[in-house]
N, C-alpha and C. Protein backbone atom coordinates (compact mmCIF):
# COMPACT_ATOMS: atom_id res chain seq x y z
N MET A 1 21.80 10.32 13.76
CA MET A 1 21.78 9.00 13.20
C MET A 1 20.97 9.04 11.91
N LYS A 2 21.40 8.29 10.90
CA LYS A 2 20.67 8.17 9.64
C LYS A 2 19.75 6.96 9.73
N ILE A 3 18.47 7.17 9.36
CA ILE A 3 17.48 6.11 9.44
C ILE A 3 16.74 6.02 8.11
N ALA A 4 16.61 4.79 7.56
CA ALA A 4 15.83 4.55 6.36
C ALA A 4 14.50 3.93 6.77
N ILE A 5 13.41 4.46 6.22
CA ILE A 5 12.07 3.95 6.51
C ILE A 5 11.47 3.46 5.20
N THR A 6 11.14 2.16 5.14
CA THR A 6 10.45 1.63 3.97
C THR A 6 8.95 1.74 4.22
N GLY A 7 8.21 2.06 3.18
CA GLY A 7 6.77 2.27 3.34
C GLY A 7 6.47 3.61 3.98
N GLY A 8 7.34 4.58 3.76
CA GLY A 8 7.20 5.88 4.42
C GLY A 8 6.04 6.74 3.95
N ALA A 9 5.39 6.38 2.85
CA ALA A 9 4.25 7.16 2.38
C ALA A 9 2.95 6.70 3.03
N GLY A 10 2.97 5.58 3.70
CA GLY A 10 1.78 5.09 4.39
C GLY A 10 1.58 5.80 5.72
N PHE A 11 0.48 5.49 6.39
CA PHE A 11 0.15 6.18 7.63
C PHE A 11 1.20 5.95 8.71
N ILE A 12 1.54 4.72 8.98
CA ILE A 12 2.49 4.42 10.06
C ILE A 12 3.88 4.94 9.72
N GLY A 13 4.33 4.69 8.49
CA GLY A 13 5.65 5.15 8.08
C GLY A 13 5.80 6.65 8.10
N SER A 14 4.77 7.36 7.67
CA SER A 14 4.85 8.83 7.66
C SER A 14 4.84 9.40 9.08
N GLN A 15 4.06 8.81 9.97
CA GLN A 15 4.04 9.27 11.35
C GLN A 15 5.38 9.00 12.03
N LEU A 16 5.96 7.85 11.74
CA LEU A 16 7.27 7.51 12.28
C LEU A 16 8.32 8.51 11.80
N ALA A 17 8.29 8.82 10.50
CA ALA A 17 9.23 9.78 9.94
C ALA A 17 9.08 11.16 10.57
N LEU A 18 7.84 11.60 10.75
CA LEU A 18 7.61 12.90 11.38
C LEU A 18 8.18 12.96 12.79
N ASN A 19 8.01 11.89 13.54
CA ASN A 19 8.51 11.86 14.91
C ASN A 19 10.03 11.77 14.99
N LEU A 20 10.64 11.08 14.05
CA LEU A 20 12.09 10.88 14.09
C LEU A 20 12.88 12.03 13.46
N GLN A 21 12.25 12.82 12.60
CA GLN A 21 12.99 13.83 11.84
C GLN A 21 13.59 14.94 12.71
N GLU A 22 13.06 15.13 13.90
CA GLU A 22 13.58 16.20 14.76
C GLU A 22 15.00 15.91 15.23
N LYS A 23 15.34 14.63 15.40
CA LYS A 23 16.65 14.29 15.95
C LYS A 23 17.50 13.43 15.03
N HIS A 24 16.95 13.03 13.87
CA HIS A 24 17.66 12.11 12.99
C HIS A 24 17.51 12.53 11.54
N GLU A 25 18.43 12.04 10.70
CA GLU A 25 18.34 12.24 9.26
C GLU A 25 17.55 11.06 8.69
N ILE A 26 16.46 11.34 7.99
CA ILE A 26 15.53 10.31 7.54
C ILE A 26 15.58 10.15 6.02
N LEU A 27 15.60 8.89 5.56
CA LEU A 27 15.46 8.55 4.15
C LEU A 27 14.19 7.70 4.03
N ILE A 28 13.24 8.16 3.21
CA ILE A 28 11.98 7.43 3.04
C ILE A 28 12.00 6.74 1.68
N ILE A 29 11.69 5.44 1.70
CA ILE A 29 11.63 4.63 0.48
C ILE A 29 10.22 4.05 0.39
N ASP A 30 9.54 4.28 -0.74
CA ASP A 30 8.20 3.75 -0.90
C ASP A 30 7.89 3.59 -2.38
N LYS A 31 7.28 2.50 -2.74
CA LYS A 31 6.90 2.25 -4.13
C LYS A 31 5.64 3.02 -4.52
N MET A 32 4.81 3.35 -3.52
CA MET A 32 3.58 4.12 -3.70
C MET A 32 2.67 3.51 -4.77
N ARG A 33 2.46 2.23 -4.70
CA ARG A 33 1.57 1.53 -5.63
C ARG A 33 0.20 1.42 -4.98
N SER A 34 -0.81 1.92 -5.64
CA SER A 34 -2.16 1.88 -5.07
C SER A 34 -2.89 0.60 -5.48
N SER A 35 -3.93 0.27 -4.75
CA SER A 35 -4.71 -0.93 -5.08
C SER A 35 -5.40 -0.78 -6.43
N ALA A 36 -5.77 0.44 -6.81
CA ALA A 36 -6.40 0.66 -8.11
C ALA A 36 -5.43 0.32 -9.23
N THR A 37 -4.18 0.70 -9.07
CA THR A 37 -3.16 0.37 -10.07
C THR A 37 -2.95 -1.14 -10.10
N PHE A 38 -2.92 -1.76 -8.94
CA PHE A 38 -2.71 -3.20 -8.85
C PHE A 38 -3.83 -3.98 -9.55
N GLU A 39 -5.07 -3.55 -9.37
CA GLU A 39 -6.21 -4.23 -9.99
C GLU A 39 -6.16 -4.13 -11.51
N ASN A 40 -5.64 -3.03 -12.03
CA ASN A 40 -5.54 -2.84 -13.48
C ASN A 40 -4.34 -3.56 -14.07
N GLY A 41 -3.45 -4.05 -13.22
CA GLY A 41 -2.28 -4.77 -13.70
C GLY A 41 -1.16 -3.87 -14.18
N ASN A 42 -1.21 -2.59 -13.90
CA ASN A 42 -0.16 -1.64 -14.32
C ASN A 42 0.87 -1.48 -13.26
């Protein structure tokens, strides 16, 4: 089964992807915007 995970770079998303990858095809989507970037307005 193909599964898309949003927020896959975070702790919960990455753990979910690791557990599902053994039996499924995984697509990870993440903006990877840090709070430091957000505070600077970039």
